[in-house]
N, C-alpha and C. Protein backbone atom coordinates (compact mmCIF):
# COMPACT_ATOMS: atom_id res chain seq x y z
N UNK A 1 -8.62 -18.63 20.56
CA UNK A 1 -9.10 -17.56 19.72
C UNK A 1 -10.47 -17.10 20.23
N UNK A 2 -10.65 -15.80 20.31
CA UNK A 2 -11.93 -15.26 20.76
C UNK A 2 -12.79 -14.88 19.57
N UNK A 3 -14.09 -14.75 19.80
CA UNK A 3 -15.02 -14.36 18.74
C UNK A 3 -15.34 -12.88 18.80
N UNK A 4 -14.52 -12.09 19.48
CA UNK A 4 -14.79 -10.68 19.61
C UNK A 4 -14.59 -9.98 18.27
N UNK A 5 -15.54 -9.15 17.90
CA UNK A 5 -15.43 -8.37 16.68
C UNK A 5 -14.47 -7.21 16.87
N UNK A 6 -13.82 -6.79 15.81
CA UNK A 6 -12.96 -5.63 15.82
C UNK A 6 -13.83 -4.42 15.49
N UNK A 7 -14.05 -3.54 16.44
CA UNK A 7 -15.01 -2.45 16.30
C UNK A 7 -14.33 -1.13 15.95
N UNK A 8 -15.15 -0.12 15.66
CA UNK A 8 -14.63 1.22 15.42
C UNK A 8 -13.87 1.72 16.64
N UNK A 9 -14.38 1.40 17.82
CA UNK A 9 -13.73 1.82 19.06
C UNK A 9 -12.34 1.18 19.17
N UNK A 10 -12.23 -0.10 18.81
CA UNK A 10 -10.93 -0.78 18.83
C UNK A 10 -9.96 -0.12 17.86
N UNK A 11 -10.45 0.23 16.67
CA UNK A 11 -9.62 0.87 15.67
C UNK A 11 -9.13 2.24 16.14
N UNK A 12 -10.03 3.04 16.71
CA UNK A 12 -9.61 4.36 17.20
C UNK A 12 -8.65 4.21 18.38
N UNK A 13 -8.82 3.18 19.18
CA UNK A 13 -7.90 2.92 20.31
C UNK A 13 -6.50 2.59 19.79
N UNK A 14 -6.43 1.80 18.71
CA UNK A 14 -5.13 1.47 18.12
C UNK A 14 -4.45 2.72 17.56
N UNK A 15 -5.23 3.60 16.92
CA UNK A 15 -4.66 4.85 16.41
C UNK A 15 -4.14 5.69 17.57
N UNK A 16 -4.92 5.75 18.63
CA UNK A 16 -4.53 6.51 19.82
C UNK A 16 -3.22 5.99 20.40
N UNK A 17 -3.10 4.67 20.53
CA UNK A 17 -1.91 4.08 21.16
C UNK A 17 -0.69 4.09 20.24
N UNK A 18 -0.88 3.79 18.95
CA UNK A 18 0.26 3.66 18.04
C UNK A 18 0.76 4.99 17.48
N UNK A 19 -0.15 5.93 17.24
CA UNK A 19 0.25 7.20 16.63
C UNK A 19 0.35 8.30 17.68
N UNK A 20 -0.50 8.25 18.69
CA UNK A 20 -0.42 9.23 19.75
C UNK A 20 -1.41 10.37 19.64
N UNK A 21 -2.35 10.30 18.69
CA UNK A 21 -3.40 11.31 18.62
C UNK A 21 -4.31 11.17 19.83
N UNK A 22 -5.04 12.24 20.14
CA UNK A 22 -5.99 12.15 21.25
C UNK A 22 -7.09 11.15 20.90
N UNK A 23 -7.79 10.67 21.93
CA UNK A 23 -8.86 9.69 21.70
C UNK A 23 -9.98 10.28 20.85
N UNK A 24 -10.31 11.55 21.08
CA UNK A 24 -11.40 12.15 20.30
C UNK A 24 -10.98 12.34 18.84
N UNK A 25 -9.73 12.74 18.60
CA UNK A 25 -9.25 12.88 17.22
C UNK A 25 -9.18 11.53 16.53
N UNK A 26 -8.74 10.51 17.25
CA UNK A 26 -8.66 9.16 16.69
C UNK A 26 -10.06 8.67 16.29
N UNK A 27 -11.06 8.93 17.12
CA UNK A 27 -12.44 8.53 16.80
C UNK A 27 -12.95 9.28 15.58
N UNK A 28 -12.62 10.58 15.47
CA UNK A 28 -13.03 11.37 14.30
C UNK A 28 -12.38 10.85 13.03
N UNK A 29 -11.11 10.46 13.11
CA UNK A 29 -10.40 9.92 11.94
C UNK A 29 -11.10 8.65 11.45
N UNK A 30 -11.43 7.76 12.37
CA UNK A 30 -12.10 6.50 12.00
C UNK A 30 -13.47 6.79 11.39
N UNK A 31 -14.25 7.67 12.02
CA UNK A 31 -15.59 8.01 11.51
C UNK A 31 -15.50 8.64 10.12
N UNK A 32 -14.56 9.57 9.93
CA UNK A 32 -14.39 10.22 8.63
C UNK A 32 -13.95 9.24 7.56
N UNK A 33 -13.09 8.28 7.92
CA UNK A 33 -12.64 7.27 6.98
C UNK A 33 -13.82 6.46 6.44
N UNK A 34 -14.68 6.00 7.35
CA UNK A 34 -15.82 5.21 6.91
C UNK A 34 -16.84 6.05 6.14
N UNK A 35 -17.01 7.30 6.51
CA UNK A 35 -17.90 8.18 5.77
C UNK A 35 -17.39 8.40 4.35
N UNK A 36 -16.08 8.51 4.17
CA UNK A 36 -15.50 8.65 2.83
C UNK A 36 -15.75 7.41 1.99
N UNK A 37 -15.62 6.24 2.59
CA UNK A 37 -15.89 5.00 1.86
C UNK A 37 -17.36 4.94 1.45
N UNK A 38 -18.26 5.26 2.37
CA UNK A 38 -19.69 5.21 2.08
C UNK A 38 -20.05 6.20 0.99
N UNK A 39 -19.57 7.43 1.09
CA UNK A 39 -19.91 8.44 0.07
C UNK A 39 -19.30 8.07 -1.27
N UNK A 40 -18.11 7.48 -1.26
CA UNK A 40 -17.50 7.03 -2.51
C UNK A 40 -18.30 5.92 -3.16
N UNK A 41 -18.83 5.01 -2.36
CA UNK A 41 -19.67 3.94 -2.91
C UNK A 41 -20.97 4.49 -3.48
N UNK A 42 -21.54 5.50 -2.82
CA UNK A 42 -22.78 6.10 -3.30
C UNK A 42 -22.54 6.81 -4.63
N UNK A 43 -21.42 7.54 -4.74
CA UNK A 43 -21.15 8.32 -5.95
C UNK A 43 -20.61 7.45 -7.09
N UNK A 44 -19.64 6.60 -6.80
CA UNK A 44 -18.92 5.87 -7.86
C UNK A 44 -19.28 4.40 -7.98
N UNK A 45 -20.02 3.84 -7.03
CA UNK A 45 -20.37 2.42 -7.00
C UNK A 45 -19.15 1.51 -6.85
N UNK A 46 -17.96 2.08 -6.58
CA UNK A 46 -16.78 1.25 -6.38
C UNK A 46 -15.71 2.05 -5.65
N UNK A 47 -15.04 1.39 -4.71
CA UNK A 47 -13.92 1.99 -4.00
C UNK A 47 -12.79 0.97 -4.01
N UNK A 48 -11.63 1.38 -4.51
CA UNK A 48 -10.47 0.49 -4.51
C UNK A 48 -9.44 1.05 -3.54
N UNK A 49 -9.05 0.21 -2.59
CA UNK A 49 -8.00 0.57 -1.64
C UNK A 49 -6.80 -0.30 -1.98
N UNK A 50 -5.77 0.33 -2.51
CA UNK A 50 -4.59 -0.38 -2.98
C UNK A 50 -4.01 -1.23 -1.86
N UNK A 51 -3.61 -2.43 -2.20
CA UNK A 51 -3.02 -3.42 -1.29
C UNK A 51 -4.00 -3.94 -0.25
N UNK A 52 -5.29 -3.60 -0.38
CA UNK A 52 -6.30 -4.11 0.55
C UNK A 52 -7.41 -4.82 -0.21
N UNK A 53 -8.12 -4.08 -1.09
CA UNK A 53 -9.19 -4.71 -1.85
C UNK A 53 -10.12 -3.69 -2.46
N UNK A 54 -11.20 -4.20 -3.05
CA UNK A 54 -12.16 -3.37 -3.75
C UNK A 54 -13.57 -3.63 -3.23
N UNK A 55 -14.27 -2.56 -2.90
CA UNK A 55 -15.68 -2.62 -2.52
C UNK A 55 -16.48 -2.20 -3.74
N UNK A 56 -17.50 -2.98 -4.11
CA UNK A 56 -18.32 -2.70 -5.27
C UNK A 56 -19.79 -2.80 -4.90
N UNK A 57 -20.60 -1.89 -5.45
CA UNK A 57 -22.05 -1.94 -5.24
C UNK A 57 -22.65 -2.77 -6.36
N UNK A 58 -23.42 -3.80 -6.00
CA UNK A 58 -24.12 -4.64 -6.98
C UNK A 58 -25.61 -4.40 -6.86
N UNK A 59 -26.30 -4.44 -7.99
CA UNK A 59 -27.75 -4.26 -8.02
C UNK A 59 -28.40 -5.62 -8.18
N UNK A 60 -29.14 -6.04 -7.17
CA UNK A 60 -29.85 -7.32 -7.23
C UNK A 60 -31.27 -7.07 -7.72
N UNK A 61 -31.72 -7.90 -8.64
CA UNK A 61 -33.06 -7.76 -9.19
C UNK A 61 -34.10 -8.32 -8.22
N UNK A 62 -35.34 -7.90 -8.45
CA UNK A 62 -36.46 -8.43 -7.68
C UNK A 62 -36.64 -9.91 -8.04
N UNK A 63 -36.98 -10.72 -7.01
CA UNK A 63 -37.17 -12.15 -7.28
C UNK A 63 -38.14 -12.73 -6.26
N UNK A 64 -38.53 -13.95 -6.52
CA UNK A 64 -39.40 -14.68 -5.60
C UNK A 64 -38.51 -15.56 -4.72
N UNK A 65 -38.69 -15.45 -3.40
CA UNK A 65 -37.94 -16.27 -2.46
C UNK A 65 -38.90 -17.14 -1.67
N UNK A 66 -38.35 -18.08 -0.95
CA UNK A 66 -39.19 -18.99 -0.17
C UNK A 66 -38.61 -19.11 1.23
N UNK A 67 -39.49 -18.98 2.22
CA UNK A 67 -39.09 -19.20 3.60
C UNK A 67 -38.84 -20.70 3.77
N UNK A 68 -37.61 -21.10 4.11
CA UNK A 68 -37.32 -22.53 4.18
C UNK A 68 -38.08 -23.25 5.30
N UNK A 69 -38.47 -22.53 6.31
CA UNK A 69 -39.17 -23.17 7.43
C UNK A 69 -40.65 -23.39 7.11
N UNK A 70 -41.32 -22.35 6.56
CA UNK A 70 -42.76 -22.43 6.30
C UNK A 70 -43.09 -22.78 4.85
N UNK A 71 -42.11 -22.70 3.98
CA UNK A 71 -42.28 -22.96 2.54
C UNK A 71 -43.19 -21.93 1.85
N UNK A 72 -43.44 -20.80 2.50
CA UNK A 72 -44.28 -19.75 1.92
C UNK A 72 -43.41 -18.87 1.01
N UNK A 73 -43.90 -18.66 -0.22
CA UNK A 73 -43.18 -17.81 -1.16
C UNK A 73 -43.51 -16.35 -0.90
N UNK A 74 -42.50 -15.48 -1.10
CA UNK A 74 -42.71 -14.05 -0.97
C UNK A 74 -41.77 -13.32 -1.92
N UNK A 75 -42.12 -12.07 -2.21
CA UNK A 75 -41.33 -11.27 -3.13
C UNK A 75 -40.16 -10.64 -2.38
N UNK A 76 -38.97 -10.77 -2.94
CA UNK A 76 -37.79 -10.10 -2.41
C UNK A 76 -37.54 -8.91 -3.34
N UNK A 77 -37.64 -7.72 -2.80
CA UNK A 77 -37.53 -6.50 -3.60
C UNK A 77 -36.11 -6.30 -4.13
N UNK A 78 -36.00 -5.55 -5.21
CA UNK A 78 -34.68 -5.24 -5.74
C UNK A 78 -33.93 -4.39 -4.71
N UNK A 79 -32.63 -4.55 -4.69
CA UNK A 79 -31.83 -3.85 -3.69
C UNK A 79 -30.38 -3.76 -4.14
N UNK A 80 -29.63 -2.98 -3.42
CA UNK A 80 -28.19 -2.87 -3.66
C UNK A 80 -27.46 -3.59 -2.53
N UNK A 81 -26.40 -4.30 -2.88
CA UNK A 81 -25.57 -4.98 -1.89
C UNK A 81 -24.11 -4.60 -2.13
N UNK A 82 -23.29 -4.79 -1.11
CA UNK A 82 -21.87 -4.47 -1.21
C UNK A 82 -21.08 -5.77 -1.34
N UNK A 83 -20.19 -5.81 -2.32
CA UNK A 83 -19.32 -6.95 -2.53
C UNK A 83 -17.89 -6.49 -2.25
N UNK A 84 -17.11 -7.34 -1.56
CA UNK A 84 -15.71 -7.03 -1.30
C UNK A 84 -14.84 -8.09 -1.93
N UNK A 85 -13.83 -7.66 -2.67
CA UNK A 85 -12.87 -8.59 -3.25
C UNK A 85 -11.50 -8.19 -2.72
N UNK A 86 -10.88 -9.10 -1.99
CA UNK A 86 -9.57 -8.84 -1.40
C UNK A 86 -8.50 -8.78 -2.48
N UNK A 87 -7.49 -7.93 -2.27
CA UNK A 87 -6.38 -7.83 -3.22
C UNK A 87 -5.50 -9.06 -3.08
N UNK A 88 -4.71 -9.33 -4.09
CA UNK A 88 -3.82 -10.49 -4.04
C UNK A 88 -2.77 -10.31 -2.94
N UNK A 89 -2.35 -9.08 -2.67
CA UNK A 89 -1.38 -8.83 -1.60
C UNK A 89 -1.98 -9.16 -0.23
N UNK A 90 -3.24 -8.77 -0.01
CA UNK A 90 -3.92 -9.09 1.25
C UNK A 90 -4.06 -10.60 1.41
N UNK A 91 -4.47 -11.28 0.35
CA UNK A 91 -4.60 -12.73 0.40
C UNK A 91 -3.27 -13.40 0.72
N UNK A 92 -2.18 -12.89 0.12
CA UNK A 92 -0.86 -13.43 0.35
C UNK A 92 -0.45 -13.27 1.81
N UNK A 93 -0.69 -12.08 2.38
CA UNK A 93 -0.33 -11.83 3.78
C UNK A 93 -1.13 -12.71 4.73
N UNK A 94 -2.42 -12.89 4.44
CA UNK A 94 -3.27 -13.74 5.27
C UNK A 94 -2.77 -15.18 5.24
N UNK A 95 -2.40 -15.67 4.06
CA UNK A 95 -1.96 -17.05 3.93
C UNK A 95 -0.56 -17.28 4.52
N UNK A 96 0.28 -16.26 4.55
CA UNK A 96 1.61 -16.39 5.16
C UNK A 96 1.49 -16.56 6.67
N UNK A 97 0.52 -15.86 7.27
CA UNK A 97 0.38 -15.89 8.73
C UNK A 97 -0.60 -16.96 9.20
N UNK A 98 -1.17 -17.73 8.29
CA UNK A 98 -2.16 -18.73 8.67
C UNK A 98 -1.57 -20.05 8.69
């Protein structure tokens, strides 16, 4: 097993090979897909992709953290993070092939 990440380029290459769209159109499809997910998260704070999973924006409060190496405390500012919860169908498919 390799540690190679699956990139946008890999995804557009698969679209190019499996569907037959041009490489530039395949790259635009992938870019537009991710832009739709990002804009949906910004507007709705949640995106559900049936049979895949749900992306949710969580709001983390400001807190005090500590550098484990130096033991110096510092303030961690409030921020938004993305949480992903896989659908039961995705989990089932992963476990069948594992």
